[in-house]
Amino acid sequence: MMRLLLAALGLLSLGLGILGIFLPVLPTTPLLLLAAALFFRSSPRLYDWLLEHPKLGPYIKNFREHKAIPLKIKVLSVSLVWLTLLNCAIFVADHWAFRLFFILLAAAITAHILHYKTLR
């Protein structure tokens, strides 16, 4: 029963990680790392599939081996974070406190992304 629960949580984390590729507020790499850890404990087949996946596997392998994020991904991530959250601050938020929140959130996410080494 526990293996099924861990596999289900892994699938949820995987789904959120994939969404994070397109939505800059969701952290892709940590969610994929969580999915890998959950799959490791629940399903060797899902774990192997995730690590060998041509698009998702490199996120996990690069981070596990180097604790680094590729420059292209850093630039794309930071750009999308600012584009999305500035859009929210300008066009969605109608109170200065919300606008400030979106800008501070973008700054915090940027700082988090940039604190990792750059994989070249």
C-alpha atoms as a PDB file:
ATOM      1  CA  MET A   1       0.000   0.000   0.000  1.00  0.00           C
ATOM      2  CA  MET A   2       2.853   2.398   0.880  1.00  0.00           C
ATOM      3  CA  ARG A   3       4.522   1.770  -2.486  1.00  0.00           C
ATOM      4  CA  LEU A   4       1.315   2.744  -4.289  1.00  0.00           C
ATOM      5  CA  LEU A   5       1.053   5.942  -2.263  1.00  0.00           C
ATOM      6  CA  LEU A   6       4.702   6.834  -2.980  1.00  0.00           C
ATOM      7  CA  ALA A   7       4.238   6.093  -6.688  1.00  0.00           C
ATOM      8  CA  ALA A   8       1.092   8.266  -6.783  1.00  0.00           C
ATOM      9  CA  LEU A   9       2.926  11.105  -5.047  1.00  0.00           C
ATOM     10  CA  GLY A  10       5.790  10.629  -7.501  1.00  0.00           C
ATOM     11  CA  LEU A  11       3.405  10.931 -10.432  1.00  0.00           C
ATOM     12  CA  LEU A  12       1.899  14.074  -8.911  1.00  0.00           C
ATOM     13  CA  SER A  13       5.368  15.550  -8.423  1.00  0.00           C
ATOM     14  CA  LEU A  14       6.307  14.568 -11.970  1.00  0.00           C
ATOM     15  CA  GLY A  15       3.193  16.266 -13.349  1.00  0.00           C
ATOM     16  CA  LEU A  16       3.902  19.449 -11.393  1.00  0.00           C
ATOM     17  CA  GLY A  17       7.533  19.335 -12.509  1.00  0.00           C
ATOM     18  CA  ILE A  18       6.470  19.125 -16.138  1.00  0.00           C
ATOM     19  CA  LEU A  19       4.087  22.043 -15.591  1.00  0.00           C
ATOM     20  CA  GLY A  20       7.035  23.905 -14.069  1.00  0.00           C
ATOM     21  CA  ILE A  21       8.772  23.793 -17.435  1.00  0.00           C
ATOM     22  CA  PHE A  22       6.020  26.068 -18.759  1.00  0.00           C
ATOM     23  CA  LEU A  23       5.003  27.930 -15.581  1.00  0.00           C
ATOM     24  CA  PRO A  24       7.955  29.749 -14.064  1.00  0.00           C
ATOM     25  CA  VAL A  25       6.501  29.834 -10.554  1.00  0.00           C
ATOM     26  CA  LEU A  26       6.761  26.042 -10.223  1.00  0.00           C
ATOM     27  CA  PRO A  27      10.303  24.785  -9.633  1.00  0.00           C
ATOM     28  CA  THR A  28      10.957  22.096 -12.247  1.00  0.00           C
ATOM     29  CA  THR A  29      14.176  20.541 -11.005  1.00  0.00           C
ATOM     30  CA  PRO A  30      13.190  20.132  -7.324  1.00  0.00           C
ATOM     31  CA  LEU A  31       9.877  18.564  -8.318  1.00  0.00           C
ATOM     32  CA  LEU A  32      11.594  16.161 -10.702  1.00  0.00           C
ATOM     33  CA  LEU A  33      14.130  15.295  -7.993  1.00  0.00           C
ATOM     34  CA  LEU A  34      11.267  14.598  -5.603  1.00  0.00           C
ATOM     35  CA  ALA A  35       9.572  12.410  -8.211  1.00  0.00           C
ATOM     36  CA  ALA A  36      12.815  10.476  -8.711  1.00  0.00           C
ATOM     37  CA  ALA A  37      13.204   9.948  -4.954  1.00  0.00           C
ATOM     38  CA  LEU A  38       9.600   8.757  -4.640  1.00  0.00           C
ATOM     39  CA  PHE A  39       9.959   6.453  -7.641  1.00  0.00           C
ATOM     40  CA  PHE A  40      13.231   5.092  -6.224  1.00  0.00           C
ATOM     41  CA  ARG A  41      11.329   3.991  -3.117  1.00  0.00           C
ATOM     42  CA  SER A  42       8.246   2.726  -4.919  1.00  0.00           C
ATOM     43  CA  SER A  43       8.923   1.609  -8.489  1.00  0.00           C
ATOM     44  CA  PRO A  44      12.313   0.826 -10.026  1.00  0.00           C
ATOM     45  CA  ARG A  45      10.661   0.800 -13.443  1.00  0.00           C
ATOM     46  CA  LEU A  46       9.321   4.376 -13.089  1.00  0.00           C
ATOM     47  CA  TYR A  47      12.646   5.505 -11.600  1.00  0.00           C
ATOM     48  CA  ASP A  48      14.609   4.075 -14.535  1.00  0.00           C
ATOM     49  CA  TRP A  49      12.117   5.524 -17.022  1.00  0.00           C
ATOM     50  CA  LEU A  50      12.444   9.004 -15.505  1.00  0.00           C
ATOM     51  CA  LEU A  51      16.253   8.962 -15.428  1.00  0.00           C
ATOM     52  CA  GLU A  52      16.451   7.697 -19.006  1.00  0.00           C
ATOM     53  CA  HIS A  53      13.807  10.079 -20.364  1.00  0.00           C
ATOM     54  CA  PRO A  54      15.472  12.198 -23.092  1.00  0.00           C
ATOM     55  CA  LYS A  55      13.958  15.504 -21.914  1.00  0.00           C
ATOM     56  CA  LEU A  56      13.463  15.022 -18.157  1.00  0.00           C
ATOM     57  CA  GLY A  57      16.422  12.813 -17.295  1.00  0.00           C
ATOM     58  CA  PRO A  58      19.086  15.498 -17.899  1.00  0.00           C
ATOM     59  CA  TYR A  59      17.442  17.822 -15.339  1.00  0.00           C
ATOM     60  CA  ILE A  60      17.918  15.168 -12.671  1.00  0.00           C
ATOM     61  CA  LYS A  61      21.310  13.876 -13.772  1.00  0.00           C
ATOM     62  CA  ASN A  62      22.875  17.320 -14.121  1.00  0.00           C
ATOM     63  CA  PHE A  63      21.622  18.450 -10.764  1.00  0.00           C
ATOM     64  CA  ARG A  64      22.570  15.236  -8.941  1.00  0.00           C
ATOM     65  CA  GLU A  65      26.047  15.107 -10.445  1.00  0.00           C
ATOM     66  CA  HIS A  66      26.997  18.790 -10.539  1.00  0.00           C
ATOM     67  CA  LYS A  67      24.516  20.646  -8.304  1.00  0.00           C
ATOM     68  CA  ALA A  68      24.307  23.048 -11.223  1.00  0.00           C
ATOM     69  CA  ILE A  69      21.776  24.390 -13.705  1.00  0.00           C
ATOM     70  CA  PRO A  70      22.655  24.872 -17.393  1.00  0.00           C
ATOM     71  CA  LEU A  71      23.097  28.525 -18.423  1.00  0.00           C
ATOM     72  CA  LYS A  72      20.349  28.276 -21.047  1.00  0.00           C
ATOM     73  CA  ILE A  73      17.862  27.013 -18.441  1.00  0.00           C
ATOM     74  CA  LYS A  74      18.879  29.722 -15.973  1.00  0.00           C
ATOM     75  CA  VAL A  75      18.376  32.485 -18.524  1.00  0.00           C
ATOM     76  CA  LEU A  76      15.063  31.055 -19.687  1.00  0.00           C
ATOM     77  CA  SER A  77      13.805  30.504 -16.138  1.00  0.00           C
ATOM     78  CA  VAL A  78      14.718  33.941 -14.841  1.00  0.00           C
ATOM     79  CA  SER A  79      13.310  35.608 -17.959  1.00  0.00           C
ATOM     80  CA  LEU A  80      10.013  33.756 -17.703  1.00  0.00           C
ATOM     81  CA  VAL A  81       9.736  34.421 -13.963  1.00  0.00           C
ATOM     82  CA  TRP A  82      10.112  38.156 -14.486  1.00  0.00           C
ATOM     83  CA  LEU A  83       7.887  38.223 -17.555  1.00  0.00           C
ATOM     84  CA  THR A  84       5.111  36.367 -15.778  1.00  0.00           C
ATOM     85  CA  LEU A  85       5.290  38.079 -12.408  1.00  0.00           C
ATOM     86  CA  LEU A  86       5.725  41.578 -13.810  1.00  0.00           C
ATOM     87  CA  ASN A  87       2.709  40.894 -15.979  1.00  0.00           C
ATOM     88  CA  CYS A  88       0.801  39.948 -12.827  1.00  0.00           C
ATOM     89  CA  ALA A  89       2.076  43.016 -10.976  1.00  0.00           C
ATOM     90  CA  ILE A  90       1.116  45.394 -13.766  1.00  0.00           C
ATOM     91  CA  PHE A  91      -2.064  43.933 -15.207  1.00  0.00           C
ATOM     92  CA  VAL A  92      -3.551  41.663 -12.538  1.00  0.00           C
ATOM     93  CA  ALA A  93      -2.827  43.184  -9.137  1.00  0.00           C
ATOM     94  CA  ASP A  94      -4.983  46.136  -8.247  1.00  0.00           C
ATOM     95  CA  HIS A  95      -3.365  46.981  -4.908  1.00  0.00           C
ATOM     96  CA  TRP A  96       0.186  48.123  -4.287  1.00  0.00           C
ATOM     97  CA  ALA A  97       0.753  45.356  -1.707  1.00  0.00           C
ATOM     98  CA  PHE A  98      -0.001  42.656  -4.277  1.00  0.00           C
ATOM     99  CA  ARG A  99       2.216  44.370  -6.829  1.00  0.00           C
ATOM    100  CA  LEU A 100       5.028  44.473  -4.294  1.00  0.00           C
ATOM    101  CA  PHE A 101       4.419  40.804  -3.453  1.00  0.00           C
ATOM    102  CA  PHE A 102       4.776  39.750  -7.111  1.00  0.00           C
ATOM    103  CA  ILE A 103       7.986  41.741  -7.510  1.00  0.00           C
ATOM    104  CA  LEU A 104       9.476  40.359  -4.276  1.00  0.00           C
ATOM    105  CA  LEU A 105       8.461  36.840  -5.307  1.00  0.00           C
ATOM    106  CA  ALA A 106      10.224  37.291  -8.653  1.00  0.00           C
ATOM    107  CA  ALA A 107      13.335  38.553  -6.862  1.00  0.00           C
ATOM    108  CA  ALA A 108      13.299  35.607  -4.432  1.00  0.00           C
ATOM    109  CA  ILE A 109      12.871  33.033  -7.202  1.00  0.00           C
ATOM    110  CA  THR A 110      15.641  34.707  -9.194  1.00  0.00           C
ATOM    111  CA  ALA A 111      17.975  34.628  -6.197  1.00  0.00           C
ATOM    112  CA  HIS A 112      17.186  30.944  -5.660  1.00  0.00           C
ATOM    113  CA  ILE A 113      17.898  30.064  -9.283  1.00  0.00           C
ATOM    114  CA  LEU A 114      21.080  32.121  -9.432  1.00  0.00           C
ATOM    115  CA  HIS A 115      22.538  30.699  -6.241  1.00  0.00           C
ATOM    116  CA  TYR A 116      23.165  27.388  -8.017  1.00  0.00           C
ATOM    117  CA  LYS A 117      26.335  26.946 -10.028  1.00  0.00           C
ATOM    118  CA  THR A 118      26.069  27.336 -13.781  1.00  0.00           C
ATOM    119  CA  LEU A 119      26.635  24.208 -15.827  1.00  0.00           C
ATOM    120  CA  ARG A 120      28.549  25.023 -18.993  1.00  0.00           C
END
